[in-house]
Amino acid sequence: MNVLKTYSILFGMSLLFFSFSNCGSSQSTSNGIQENQPPFVVANSYYQEWVAGVQEGGKGIKVYFELESVEPGVTFNTIYFRGNAADITYLPQSKFKFMADIRTDTKRPDVIMDSDAANEAANKPPVKMPLEIPDTHAALSYTYKGNTKVYVLKNIEEKEAIAYPSNNPKGDN
């Protein structure tokens, strides 16, 4: 009987050991692999908060990043910043400059609660961050050679906020 008890304890301990052996060792995220050596070099990055001059105009954050170089075939997808996400747009004024406009004034839509699952399917899921990052960092999702990866822009510089005027700048009323 002692042999059976010893084997059960050994089996339980090994199961417990193997269940914890993979914790924290993976660099993968839900959107791909966190990349430390991306196929591009970031020259600088910054963000600016903005506020519209009219009551229903809204507010948000524009995140900019400029590259020194980029490998052919890199496609920038989404940027995650301060719990929000936005698509990345190429700015043609500069050779390697990109921007994402994150709206921060949008109210959360009402959640549909219904006994019919088809009606609840209309609910939009919340934005899922690919990894936990501080408020001074942004996660940049990109695709390269068919693989989606995530690069963290660290210590993004804050620039002065933009307050758009409330009146018509041309004077046309």
C-alpha atoms as a PDB file:
ATOM      1  CA  MET A   1       0.000   0.000   0.000  1.00  0.00           C
ATOM      2  CA  ASN A   2       2.934   2.358   0.690  1.00  0.00           C
ATOM      3  CA  VAL A   3       4.167   1.905  -2.896  1.00  0.00           C
ATOM      4  CA  LEU A   4       0.792   3.019  -4.308  1.00  0.00           C
ATOM      5  CA  LYS A   5       0.778   6.061  -2.022  1.00  0.00           C
ATOM      6  CA  THR A   6       4.350   6.978  -3.065  1.00  0.00           C
ATOM      7  CA  TYR A   7       3.516   6.678  -6.773  1.00  0.00           C
ATOM      8  CA  SER A   8       0.413   8.846  -6.366  1.00  0.00           C
ATOM      9  CA  ILE A   9       2.406  11.560  -4.593  1.00  0.00           C
ATOM     10  CA  LEU A  10       5.150  11.439  -7.261  1.00  0.00           C
ATOM     11  CA  PHE A  11       2.573  11.604 -10.049  1.00  0.00           C
ATOM     12  CA  GLY A  12       0.798  14.545  -8.404  1.00  0.00           C
ATOM     13  CA  MET A  13       4.036  16.445  -7.822  1.00  0.00           C
ATOM     14  CA  SER A  14       5.255  15.902 -11.395  1.00  0.00           C
ATOM     15  CA  LEU A  15       1.890  17.006 -12.793  1.00  0.00           C
ATOM     16  CA  LEU A  16       2.058  20.159 -10.674  1.00  0.00           C
ATOM     17  CA  PHE A  17       5.664  20.823 -11.743  1.00  0.00           C
ATOM     18  CA  PHE A  18       4.913  20.451 -15.464  1.00  0.00           C
ATOM     19  CA  SER A  19       1.799  22.608 -15.272  1.00  0.00           C
ATOM     20  CA  PHE A  20       3.887  25.554 -14.001  1.00  0.00           C
ATOM     21  CA  SER A  21       6.934  24.970 -16.176  1.00  0.00           C
ATOM     22  CA  ASN A  22       5.621  26.975 -19.159  1.00  0.00           C
ATOM     23  CA  CYS A  23       4.355  30.001 -17.229  1.00  0.00           C
ATOM     24  CA  GLY A  24       5.994  33.235 -18.370  1.00  0.00           C
ATOM     25  CA  SER A  25       8.391  31.604 -20.812  1.00  0.00           C
ATOM     26  CA  SER A  26       6.415  32.300 -23.956  1.00  0.00           C
ATOM     27  CA  GLN A  27       6.953  35.470 -25.991  1.00  0.00           C
ATOM     28  CA  SER A  28       3.837  34.926 -28.084  1.00  0.00           C
ATOM     29  CA  THR A  29       0.799  37.150 -27.833  1.00  0.00           C
ATOM     30  CA  SER A  30      -2.753  36.849 -29.059  1.00  0.00           C
ATOM     31  CA  ASN A  31      -1.875  38.868 -32.179  1.00  0.00           C
ATOM     32  CA  GLY A  32       1.428  37.234 -32.922  1.00  0.00           C
ATOM     33  CA  ILE A  33       4.932  37.191 -31.558  1.00  0.00           C
ATOM     34  CA  GLN A  34       6.478  40.012 -29.557  1.00  0.00           C
ATOM     35  CA  GLU A  35       9.457  41.129 -31.599  1.00  0.00           C
ATOM     36  CA  ASN A  36      12.631  42.656 -30.196  1.00  0.00           C
ATOM     37  CA  GLN A  37      14.451  42.835 -33.574  1.00  0.00           C
ATOM     38  CA  PRO A  38      11.795  44.108 -36.018  1.00  0.00           C
ATOM     39  CA  PRO A  39      12.417  44.571 -39.767  1.00  0.00           C
ATOM     40  CA  PHE A  40      12.333  48.350 -39.305  1.00  0.00           C
ATOM     41  CA  VAL A  41      14.129  50.998 -37.246  1.00  0.00           C
ATOM     42  CA  VAL A  42      12.056  53.599 -35.398  1.00  0.00           C
ATOM     43  CA  ALA A  43      13.606  57.081 -35.510  1.00  0.00           C
ATOM     44  CA  ASN A  44      11.146  58.742 -33.139  1.00  0.00           C
ATOM     45  CA  SER A  45       7.614  58.477 -31.770  1.00  0.00           C
ATOM     46  CA  TYR A  46       5.286  60.865 -29.997  1.00  0.00           C
ATOM     47  CA  TYR A  47       1.634  61.470 -29.219  1.00  0.00           C
ATOM     48  CA  GLN A  48      -0.646  64.490 -28.989  1.00  0.00           C
ATOM     49  CA  GLU A  49      -4.003  64.691 -27.333  1.00  0.00           C
ATOM     50  CA  TRP A  50      -6.585  66.704 -29.256  1.00  0.00           C
ATOM     51  CA  VAL A  51      -9.936  68.292 -28.452  1.00  0.00           C
ATOM     52  CA  ALA A  52     -12.500  69.544 -30.951  1.00  0.00           C
ATOM     53  CA  GLY A  53     -13.754  73.092 -30.589  1.00  0.00           C
ATOM     54  CA  VAL A  54     -17.418  72.153 -30.777  1.00  0.00           C
ATOM     55  CA  GLN A  55     -19.421  70.295 -28.152  1.00  0.00           C
ATOM     56  CA  GLU A  56     -20.045  67.105 -30.140  1.00  0.00           C
ATOM     57  CA  GLY A  57     -16.716  67.237 -31.988  1.00  0.00           C
ATOM     58  CA  GLY A  58     -14.990  64.766 -29.720  1.00  0.00           C
ATOM     59  CA  LYS A  59     -11.478  64.221 -28.444  1.00  0.00           C
ATOM     60  CA  GLY A  60      -8.703  61.732 -28.850  1.00  0.00           C
ATOM     61  CA  ILE A  61      -5.006  60.983 -29.120  1.00  0.00           C
ATOM     62  CA  LYS A  62      -2.891  60.967 -32.266  1.00  0.00           C
ATOM     63  CA  VAL A  63       0.127  58.674 -32.074  1.00  0.00           C
ATOM     64  CA  TYR A  64       2.923  59.294 -34.594  1.00  0.00           C
ATOM     65  CA  PHE A  65       6.013  57.258 -35.379  1.00  0.00           C
ATOM     66  CA  GLU A  66       8.693  57.804 -37.985  1.00  0.00           C
ATOM     67  CA  LEU A  67      11.075  55.160 -39.293  1.00  0.00           C
ATOM     68  CA  GLU A  68      14.717  55.416 -40.308  1.00  0.00           C
ATOM     69  CA  SER A  69      14.407  52.324 -42.484  1.00  0.00           C
ATOM     70  CA  VAL A  70      11.972  49.514 -43.216  1.00  0.00           C
ATOM     71  CA  GLU A  71      12.284  46.184 -45.013  1.00  0.00           C
ATOM     72  CA  PRO A  72      10.063  45.681 -48.082  1.00  0.00           C
ATOM     73  CA  GLY A  73       6.893  43.761 -47.300  1.00  0.00           C
ATOM     74  CA  VAL A  74       6.186  45.211 -43.849  1.00  0.00           C
ATOM     75  CA  THR A  75       2.536  46.171 -43.338  1.00  0.00           C
ATOM     76  CA  PHE A  76       1.536  48.120 -40.233  1.00  0.00           C
ATOM     77  CA  ASN A  77      -1.877  47.083 -38.874  1.00  0.00           C
ATOM     78  CA  THR A  78      -2.928  48.403 -35.473  1.00  0.00           C
ATOM     79  CA  ILE A  79      -1.504  50.418 -32.609  1.00  0.00           C
ATOM     80  CA  TYR A  80      -2.551  49.807 -29.001  1.00  0.00           C
ATOM     81  CA  PHE A  81      -2.115  52.726 -26.618  1.00  0.00           C
ATOM     82  CA  ARG A  82      -3.597  53.325 -23.156  1.00  0.00           C
ATOM     83  CA  GLY A  83      -6.182  50.578 -23.481  1.00  0.00           C
ATOM     84  CA  ASN A  84      -7.384  51.730 -26.913  1.00  0.00           C
ATOM     85  CA  ALA A  85      -6.683  50.549 -30.444  1.00  0.00           C
ATOM     86  CA  ALA A  86      -6.637  52.245 -33.849  1.00  0.00           C
ATOM     87  CA  ASP A  87      -5.637  51.467 -37.411  1.00  0.00           C
ATOM     88  CA  ILE A  88      -2.312  52.844 -38.610  1.00  0.00           C
ATOM     89  CA  THR A  89      -2.258  55.302 -41.520  1.00  0.00           C
ATOM     90  CA  TYR A  90       0.718  56.124 -43.747  1.00  0.00           C
ATOM     91  CA  LEU A  91       1.433  59.860 -44.021  1.00  0.00           C
ATOM     92  CA  PRO A  92       2.719  60.578 -47.551  1.00  0.00           C
ATOM     93  CA  GLN A  93       4.250  63.966 -46.581  1.00  0.00           C
ATOM     94  CA  SER A  94       7.247  62.144 -45.143  1.00  0.00           C
ATOM     95  CA  LYS A  95       8.925  59.032 -46.502  1.00  0.00           C
ATOM     96  CA  PHE A  96       8.462  56.802 -43.443  1.00  0.00           C
ATOM     97  CA  LYS A  97       5.925  58.578 -41.194  1.00  0.00           C
ATOM     98  CA  PHE A  98       2.803  56.880 -39.800  1.00  0.00           C
ATOM     99  CA  MET A  99      -0.093  57.970 -37.610  1.00  0.00           C
ATOM    100  CA  ALA A 100      -2.972  56.446 -35.663  1.00  0.00           C
ATOM    101  CA  ASP A 101      -5.949  58.508 -34.500  1.00  0.00           C
ATOM    102  CA  ILE A 102      -7.470  57.052 -31.342  1.00  0.00           C
ATOM    103  CA  ARG A 103     -10.888  58.392 -30.386  1.00  0.00           C
ATOM    104  CA  THR A 104     -11.175  58.577 -26.600  1.00  0.00           C
ATOM    105  CA  ASP A 105     -14.594  60.225 -26.357  1.00  0.00           C
ATOM    106  CA  THR A 106     -16.638  57.353 -27.692  1.00  0.00           C
ATOM    107  CA  LYS A 107     -19.114  56.091 -25.168  1.00  0.00           C
ATOM    108  CA  ARG A 108     -19.347  52.379 -24.646  1.00  0.00           C
ATOM    109  CA  PRO A 109     -22.370  51.069 -26.523  1.00  0.00           C
ATOM    110  CA  ASP A 110     -25.203  49.499 -24.614  1.00  0.00           C
ATOM    111  CA  VAL A 111     -24.713  45.775 -24.165  1.00  0.00           C
ATOM    112  CA  ILE A 112     -27.520  43.634 -25.496  1.00  0.00           C
ATOM    113  CA  MET A 113     -28.576  41.051 -22.920  1.00  0.00           C
ATOM    114  CA  ASP A 114     -31.068  38.580 -24.343  1.00  0.00           C
ATOM    115  CA  SER A 115     -32.050  34.974 -23.857  1.00  0.00           C
ATOM    116  CA  ASP A 116     -31.630  34.561 -27.623  1.00  0.00           C
ATOM    117  CA  ALA A 117     -27.918  34.175 -28.416  1.00  0.00           C
ATOM    118  CA  ALA A 118     -28.462  35.536 -31.947  1.00  0.00           C
ATOM    119  CA  ASN A 119     -29.456  38.935 -30.503  1.00  0.00           C
ATOM    120  CA  GLU A 120     -26.448  38.991 -28.163  1.00  0.00           C
ATOM    121  CA  ALA A 121     -24.147  38.243 -31.102  1.00  0.00           C
ATOM    122  CA  ALA A 122     -24.556  41.887 -32.179  1.00  0.00           C
ATOM    123  CA  ASN A 123     -22.445  42.998 -29.175  1.00  0.00           C
ATOM    124  CA  LYS A 124     -18.939  44.117 -30.082  1.00  0.00           C
ATOM    125  CA  PRO A 125     -16.194  42.505 -28.007  1.00  0.00           C
ATOM    126  CA  PRO A 126     -13.895  44.857 -26.069  1.00  0.00           C
ATOM    127  CA  VAL A 127     -10.476  45.724 -27.489  1.00  0.00           C
ATOM    128  CA  LYS A 128      -8.022  43.077 -26.364  1.00  0.00           C
ATOM    129  CA  MET A 129      -4.512  44.328 -25.762  1.00  0.00           C
ATOM    130  CA  PRO A 130      -1.878  41.976 -27.177  1.00  0.00           C
ATOM    131  CA  LEU A 131       0.232  42.409 -24.028  1.00  0.00           C
ATOM    132  CA  GLU A 132       0.388  44.454 -20.849  1.00  0.00           C
ATOM    133  CA  ILE A 133       2.354  47.689 -21.312  1.00  0.00           C
ATOM    134  CA  PRO A 134       2.690  50.950 -19.338  1.00  0.00           C
ATOM    135  CA  ASP A 135       0.854  54.119 -20.427  1.00  0.00           C
ATOM    136  CA  THR A 136       4.088  55.542 -21.872  1.00  0.00           C
ATOM    137  CA  HIS A 137       4.446  52.608 -24.314  1.00  0.00           C
ATOM    138  CA  ALA A 138       2.461  51.549 -27.374  1.00  0.00           C
ATOM    139  CA  ALA A 139       2.142  48.097 -28.943  1.00  0.00           C
ATOM    140  CA  LEU A 140       2.556  48.182 -32.707  1.00  0.00           C
ATOM    141  CA  SER A 141       1.049  45.253 -34.640  1.00  0.00           C
ATOM    142  CA  TYR A 142       2.556  44.560 -38.066  1.00  0.00           C
ATOM    143  CA  THR A 143       2.735  41.804 -40.666  1.00  0.00           C
ATOM    144  CA  TYR A 144       5.993  40.651 -42.248  1.00  0.00           C
ATOM    145  CA  LYS A 145       6.487  37.580 -44.445  1.00  0.00           C
ATOM    146  CA  GLY A 146       3.006  36.314 -43.580  1.00  0.00           C
ATOM    147  CA  ASN A 147       3.517  36.506 -39.797  1.00  0.00           C
ATOM    148  CA  THR A 148       1.780  38.990 -37.522  1.00  0.00           C
ATOM    149  CA  LYS A 149       4.083  40.331 -34.830  1.00  0.00           C
ATOM    150  CA  VAL A 150       4.012  42.996 -32.133  1.00  0.00           C
ATOM    151  CA  TYR A 151       6.699  45.575 -31.404  1.00  0.00           C
ATOM    152  CA  VAL A 152       6.605  47.824 -28.341  1.00  0.00           C
ATOM    153  CA  LEU A 153       7.359  51.520 -28.850  1.00  0.00           C
ATOM    154  CA  LYS A 154       8.849  52.533 -25.516  1.00  0.00           C
ATOM    155  CA  ASN A 155       8.677  55.906 -23.762  1.00  0.00           C
ATOM    156  CA  ILE A 156       6.656  57.744 -26.374  1.00  0.00           C
ATOM    157  CA  GLU A 157       7.158  61.506 -26.048  1.00  0.00           C
ATOM    158  CA  GLU A 158       4.130  63.639 -25.192  1.00  0.00           C
ATOM    159  CA  LYS A 159       3.723  66.822 -27.225  1.00  0.00           C
ATOM    160  CA  GLU A 160       1.483  69.785 -26.413  1.00  0.00           C
ATOM    161  CA  ALA A 161      -2.228  69.099 -26.836  1.00  0.00           C
ATOM    162  CA  ILE A 162      -4.079  70.500 -29.846  1.00  0.00           C
ATOM    163  CA  ALA A 163      -7.276  72.466 -29.210  1.00  0.00           C
ATOM    164  CA  TYR A 164      -9.096  73.021 -32.474  1.00  0.00           C
ATOM    165  CA  PRO A 165     -10.929  76.371 -32.758  1.00  0.00           C
ATOM    166  CA  SER A 166     -14.649  76.524 -32.103  1.00  0.00           C
ATOM    167  CA  ASN A 167     -15.416  79.066 -34.810  1.00  0.00           C
ATOM    168  CA  ASN A 168     -15.140  78.837 -38.553  1.00  0.00           C
ATOM    169  CA  PRO A 169     -11.576  79.886 -39.487  1.00  0.00           C
ATOM    170  CA  LYS A 170     -12.697  81.254 -42.876  1.00  0.00           C
ATOM    171  CA  GLY A 171     -15.293  83.526 -41.288  1.00  0.00           C
ATOM    172  CA  ASP A 172     -18.170  81.932 -43.248  1.00  0.00           C
ATOM    173  CA  ASN A 173     -21.207  81.583 -41.025  1.00  0.00           C
END
